[in-house]
Amino acid sequence: MVRDHVAMMQELVDWIRRDDRFELMAPAPLTLACFSHVDGDERTQSIMEAANATGQAAFSHATLNGRYVIRFSIGQWRTNRAHVKAAWELLQSLSAS
């Protein structure tokens, strides 16, 4: 399970790096990614709050090196790639609005 979650996280990290609207804010070698929207803290916070308000996913946040970051964690034992992909697509769709 842990290996699967780490592999899913590495795929998510790749998706974040490919999307020029987001930037990875710290290395993500295990099952937690911290990233921000390139438009700054307020935009990052509004995307995260909108995503959480849908009830489709639950994200947390932190301040890292003075920046507001979305924390995307994979840890629930039933989480699969489809869940991770859907959560990422939710964030992407909200960043377009």
N, C-alpha and C. Protein backbone atom coordinates (compact mmCIF):
# COMPACT_ATOMS: atom_id res chain seq x y z
N MET A 1 0.82 -1.18 0.00
CA MET A 1 0.00 0.00 0.00
C MET A 1 0.87 1.26 0.00
N VAL A 2 1.89 1.28 0.85
CA VAL A 2 2.75 2.46 0.93
C VAL A 2 3.44 2.69 -0.41
N ARG A 3 3.94 1.62 -1.02
CA ARG A 3 4.59 1.77 -2.33
C ARG A 3 3.62 2.34 -3.36
N ASP A 4 2.39 1.86 -3.34
CA ASP A 4 1.38 2.38 -4.27
C ASP A 4 1.12 3.86 -4.03
N HIS A 5 1.03 4.25 -2.77
CA HIS A 5 0.77 5.66 -2.45
C HIS A 5 1.96 6.53 -2.86
N VAL A 6 3.16 6.07 -2.66
CA VAL A 6 4.34 6.83 -3.08
C VAL A 6 4.34 6.97 -4.60
N ALA A 7 3.99 5.91 -5.31
CA ALA A 7 3.94 5.97 -6.78
C ALA A 7 2.86 6.95 -7.25
N MET A 8 1.71 6.94 -6.59
CA MET A 8 0.66 7.89 -6.93
C MET A 8 1.13 9.32 -6.69
N MET A 9 1.84 9.53 -5.58
CA MET A 9 2.34 10.87 -5.29
C MET A 9 3.34 11.32 -6.35
N GLN A 10 4.19 10.43 -6.80
CA GLN A 10 5.16 10.81 -7.81
C GLN A 10 4.46 11.17 -9.12
N GLU A 11 3.38 10.49 -9.43
CA GLU A 11 2.60 10.86 -10.61
C GLU A 11 1.96 12.23 -10.42
N LEU A 12 1.42 12.48 -9.23
CA LEU A 12 0.85 13.79 -8.94
C LEU A 12 1.91 14.88 -9.05
N VAL A 13 3.08 14.64 -8.51
CA VAL A 13 4.17 15.62 -8.59
C VAL A 13 4.47 15.93 -10.06
N ASP A 14 4.47 14.93 -10.90
CA ASP A 14 4.70 15.14 -12.33
C ASP A 14 3.60 16.01 -12.92
N TRP A 15 2.34 15.76 -12.54
CA TRP A 15 1.24 16.58 -13.04
C TRP A 15 1.40 18.03 -12.59
N ILE A 16 1.79 18.23 -11.34
CA ILE A 16 1.98 19.60 -10.82
C ILE A 16 3.08 20.29 -11.62
N ARG A 17 4.18 19.62 -11.84
CA ARG A 17 5.30 20.22 -12.58
C ARG A 17 4.93 20.56 -14.02
N ARG A 18 4.02 19.80 -14.61
CA ARG A 18 3.62 20.04 -15.99
C ARG A 18 2.60 21.17 -16.14
N ASP A 19 1.98 21.56 -15.05
CA ASP A 19 0.95 22.60 -15.09
C ASP A 19 1.59 23.92 -14.70
N ASP A 20 1.69 24.83 -15.66
CA ASP A 20 2.40 26.09 -15.38
C ASP A 20 1.64 27.03 -14.46
N ARG A 21 0.44 26.65 -14.03
CA ARG A 21 -0.31 27.46 -13.06
C ARG A 21 0.09 27.17 -11.62
N PHE A 22 0.77 26.05 -11.40
CA PHE A 22 1.14 25.62 -10.05
C PHE A 22 2.64 25.42 -9.94
N GLU A 23 3.14 25.55 -8.72
CA GLU A 23 4.55 25.28 -8.48
C GLU A 23 4.69 24.44 -7.21
N LEU A 24 5.51 23.42 -7.31
CA LEU A 24 5.83 22.58 -6.17
C LEU A 24 6.70 23.38 -5.22
N MET A 25 6.37 23.41 -3.94
CA MET A 25 7.07 24.27 -3.00
C MET A 25 8.09 23.53 -2.13
N ALA A 26 8.10 22.19 -2.22
CA ALA A 26 9.04 21.39 -1.43
C ALA A 26 9.15 20.02 -2.09
N PRO A 27 10.25 19.34 -1.84
CA PRO A 27 10.35 17.97 -2.36
C PRO A 27 9.20 17.12 -1.82
N ALA A 28 8.77 16.14 -2.62
CA ALA A 28 7.66 15.27 -2.21
C ALA A 28 8.06 13.81 -2.42
N PRO A 29 9.00 13.32 -1.61
CA PRO A 29 9.49 11.96 -1.84
C PRO A 29 8.56 10.85 -1.34
N LEU A 30 7.60 11.20 -0.49
CA LEU A 30 6.73 10.15 0.06
C LEU A 30 5.28 10.40 -0.34
N THR A 31 4.43 10.79 0.59
CA THR A 31 2.99 10.88 0.27
C THR A 31 2.37 12.24 0.59
N LEU A 32 3.17 13.28 0.60
CA LEU A 32 2.67 14.63 0.84
C LEU A 32 3.32 15.58 -0.16
N ALA A 33 2.48 16.35 -0.85
CA ALA A 33 2.97 17.39 -1.75
C ALA A 33 2.47 18.73 -1.26
N CYS A 34 3.34 19.73 -1.28
CA CYS A 34 2.98 21.10 -0.93
C CYS A 34 3.22 21.95 -2.17
N PHE A 35 2.17 22.62 -2.62
CA PHE A 35 2.29 23.40 -3.85
C PHE A 35 1.40 24.63 -3.76
N SER A 36 1.68 25.60 -4.62
CA SER A 36 0.95 26.86 -4.64
C SER A 36 0.59 27.23 -6.07
N HIS A 37 -0.40 28.09 -6.18
CA HIS A 37 -0.73 28.67 -7.48
C HIS A 37 0.27 29.79 -7.73
N VAL A 38 0.69 29.96 -8.97
CA VAL A 38 1.71 30.97 -9.27
C VAL A 38 1.19 32.39 -9.07
N ASP A 39 -0.14 32.58 -9.02
CA ASP A 39 -0.69 33.91 -8.81
C ASP A 39 -0.66 34.36 -7.36
N GLY A 40 -0.13 33.54 -6.46
CA GLY A 40 0.06 33.98 -5.09
C GLY A 40 -0.85 33.34 -4.06
N ASP A 41 -0.65 33.80 -2.83
CA ASP A 41 -1.31 33.20 -1.67
C ASP A 41 -2.83 33.29 -1.72
N GLU A 42 -3.37 34.45 -2.07
CA GLU A 42 -4.83 34.59 -2.08
C GLU A 42 -5.46 33.65 -3.10
N ARG A 43 -4.85 33.53 -4.26
CA ARG A 43 -5.38 32.63 -5.29
C ARG A 43 -5.29 31.17 -4.83
N THR A 44 -4.15 30.81 -4.25
CA THR A 44 -3.97 29.45 -3.74
C THR A 44 -5.02 29.14 -2.69
N GLN A 45 -5.23 30.05 -1.75
CA GLN A 45 -6.21 29.84 -0.69
C GLN A 45 -7.62 29.73 -1.27
N SER A 46 -7.97 30.58 -2.22
CA SER A 46 -9.32 30.53 -2.78
C SER A 46 -9.57 29.22 -3.52
N ILE A 47 -8.57 28.70 -4.21
CA ILE A 47 -8.72 27.42 -4.91
C ILE A 47 -8.92 26.29 -3.90
N MET A 48 -8.10 26.28 -2.86
CA MET A 48 -8.22 25.23 -1.85
C MET A 48 -9.58 25.28 -1.15
N GLU A 49 -10.02 26.46 -0.78
CA GLU A 49 -11.31 26.60 -0.09
C GLU A 49 -12.46 26.19 -1.00
N ALA A 50 -12.39 26.54 -2.27
CA ALA A 50 -13.43 26.15 -3.21
C ALA A 50 -13.45 24.64 -3.40
N ALA A 51 -12.29 24.03 -3.47
CA ALA A 51 -12.20 22.57 -3.61
C ALA A 51 -12.80 21.89 -2.39
N ASN A 52 -12.45 22.35 -1.21
CA ASN A 52 -13.00 21.75 0.01
C ASN A 52 -14.51 21.94 0.10
N ALA A 53 -15.01 23.07 -0.39
CA ALA A 53 -16.44 23.35 -0.32
C ALA A 53 -17.26 22.39 -1.19
N THR A 54 -16.64 21.79 -2.19
CA THR A 54 -17.38 20.85 -3.05
C THR A 54 -17.68 19.55 -2.32
N GLY A 55 -16.91 19.22 -1.29
CA GLY A 55 -17.07 17.95 -0.60
C GLY A 55 -16.47 16.77 -1.34
N GLN A 56 -15.86 17.01 -2.48
CA GLN A 56 -15.27 15.95 -3.29
C GLN A 56 -13.88 15.55 -2.81
N ALA A 57 -13.22 16.43 -2.09
CA ALA A 57 -11.87 16.19 -1.59
C ALA A 57 -11.68 17.04 -0.35
N ALA A 58 -10.65 16.73 0.40
CA ALA A 58 -10.33 17.51 1.61
C ALA A 58 -8.85 17.82 1.59
N PHE A 59 -8.54 19.09 1.44
CA PHE A 59 -7.16 19.55 1.43
C PHE A 59 -6.89 20.37 2.68
N SER A 60 -5.67 20.38 3.11
CA SER A 60 -5.26 21.25 4.21
C SER A 60 -4.23 22.22 3.65
N HIS A 61 -3.79 23.13 4.50
CA HIS A 61 -2.81 24.12 4.04
C HIS A 61 -1.75 24.33 5.11
N ALA A 62 -0.73 25.02 4.71
CA ALA A 62 0.35 25.40 5.62
C ALA A 62 1.03 26.64 5.05
N THR A 63 1.88 27.22 5.84
CA THR A 63 2.75 28.28 5.35
C THR A 63 4.15 27.71 5.28
N LEU A 64 4.74 27.79 4.12
CA LEU A 64 6.06 27.22 3.88
C LEU A 64 6.94 28.28 3.24
N ASN A 65 8.01 28.64 3.92
CA ASN A 65 8.90 29.70 3.43
C ASN A 65 8.11 30.98 3.12
N GLY A 66 7.15 31.28 3.98
CA GLY A 66 6.37 32.51 3.84
C GLY A 66 5.26 32.43 2.81
N ARG A 67 5.03 31.28 2.20
CA ARG A 67 4.01 31.13 1.17
C ARG A 67 2.89 30.21 1.66
N TYR A 68 1.68 30.52 1.28
CA TYR A 68 0.52 29.69 1.56
C TYR A 68 0.57 28.52 0.58
N VAL A 69 0.51 27.31 1.10
CA VAL A 69 0.59 26.13 0.24
C VAL A 69 -0.59 25.20 0.50
N ILE A 70 -1.01 24.53 -0.56
CA ILE A 70 -2.00 23.46 -0.45
C ILE A 70 -1.22 22.20 -0.11
N ARG A 71 -1.72 21.46 0.87
CA ARG A 71 -1.12 20.18 1.24
C ARG A 71 -2.01 19.07 0.68
N PHE A 72 -1.44 18.27 -0.21
CA PHE A 72 -2.15 17.15 -0.82
C PHE A 72 -1.51 15.90 -0.26
N SER A 73 -2.25 15.17 0.55
CA SER A 73 -1.72 13.99 1.23
C SER A 73 -2.45 12.74 0.76
N ILE A 74 -1.69 11.69 0.51
CA ILE A 74 -2.25 10.39 0.16
C ILE A 74 -1.92 9.46 1.31
N GLY A 75 -2.95 8.95 1.99
CA GLY A 75 -2.67 8.12 3.14
C GLY A 75 -3.78 7.16 3.52
N GLN A 76 -5.00 7.46 3.10
CA GLN A 76 -6.11 6.59 3.44
C GLN A 76 -5.94 5.28 2.67
N TRP A 77 -6.10 4.17 3.30
CA TRP A 77 -5.74 2.89 2.68
C TRP A 77 -6.54 2.55 1.44
N ARG A 78 -7.74 3.13 1.29
CA ARG A 78 -8.56 2.85 0.10
C ARG A 78 -8.30 3.80 -1.06
N THR A 79 -7.44 4.78 -0.87
CA THR A 79 -7.16 5.74 -1.93
C THR A 79 -6.52 5.03 -3.12
N ASN A 80 -7.04 5.34 -4.32
CA ASN A 80 -6.45 4.78 -5.53
C ASN A 80 -6.16 5.90 -6.52
N ARG A 81 -5.57 5.53 -7.64
CA ARG A 81 -5.16 6.52 -8.64
C ARG A 81 -6.34 7.37 -9.11
N ALA A 82 -7.51 6.76 -9.27
CA ALA A 82 -8.68 7.52 -9.72
C ALA A 82 -9.04 8.63 -8.74
N HIS A 83 -8.90 8.38 -7.44
CA HIS A 83 -9.17 9.42 -6.44
C HIS A 83 -8.18 10.57 -6.58
N VAL A 84 -6.90 10.23 -6.72
CA VAL A 84 -5.86 11.25 -6.84
C VAL A 84 -6.08 12.08 -8.10
N LYS A 85 -6.35 11.40 -9.20
CA LYS A 85 -6.58 12.09 -10.47
C LYS A 85 -7.78 13.02 -10.37
N ALA A 86 -8.88 12.53 -9.79
CA ALA A 86 -10.08 13.36 -9.65
C ALA A 86 -9.82 14.60 -8.79
N ALA A 87 -9.08 14.43 -7.70
CA ALA A 87 -8.77 15.57 -6.83
C ALA A 87 -7.89 16.58 -7.56
N TRP A 88 -6.92 16.09 -8.32
CA TRP A 88 -6.05 17.00 -9.08
C TRP A 88 -6.87 17.73 -10.16
N GLU A 89 -7.73 17.01 -10.84
CA GLU A 89 -8.56 17.65 -11.87
C GLU A 89 -9.50 18.68 -11.28
N LEU A 90 -9.96 18.43 -10.06
CA LEU A 90 -10.79 19.42 -9.36
C LEU A 90 -10.00 20.70 -9.14
N LEU A 91 -8.79 20.57 -8.63
CA LEU A 91 -7.94 21.75 -8.41
C LEU A 91 -7.66 22.48 -9.72
N GLN A 92 -7.40 21.73 -10.76
CA GLN A 92 -7.13 22.35 -12.05
C GLN A 92 -8.36 23.11 -12.55
N SER A 93 -9.53 22.51 -12.43
CA SER A 93 -10.74 23.18 -12.93
C SER A 93 -11.01 24.45 -12.15
N LEU A 94 -10.76 24.43 -10.86
CA LEU A 94 -10.99 25.62 -10.04
C LEU A 94 -9.94 26.71 -10.29
N SER A 95 -8.78 26.31 -10.75
CA SER A 95 -7.75 27.31 -11.03
C SER A 95 -8.03 28.03 -12.35
N ALA A 96 -8.88 27.46 -13.17
CA ALA A 96 -9.22 28.07 -14.46
C ALA A 96 -10.32 29.12 -14.31
N SER A 97 -11.05 29.07 -13.21
CA SER A 97 -12.19 29.99 -13.04
C SER A 97 -11.79 31.28 -12.37
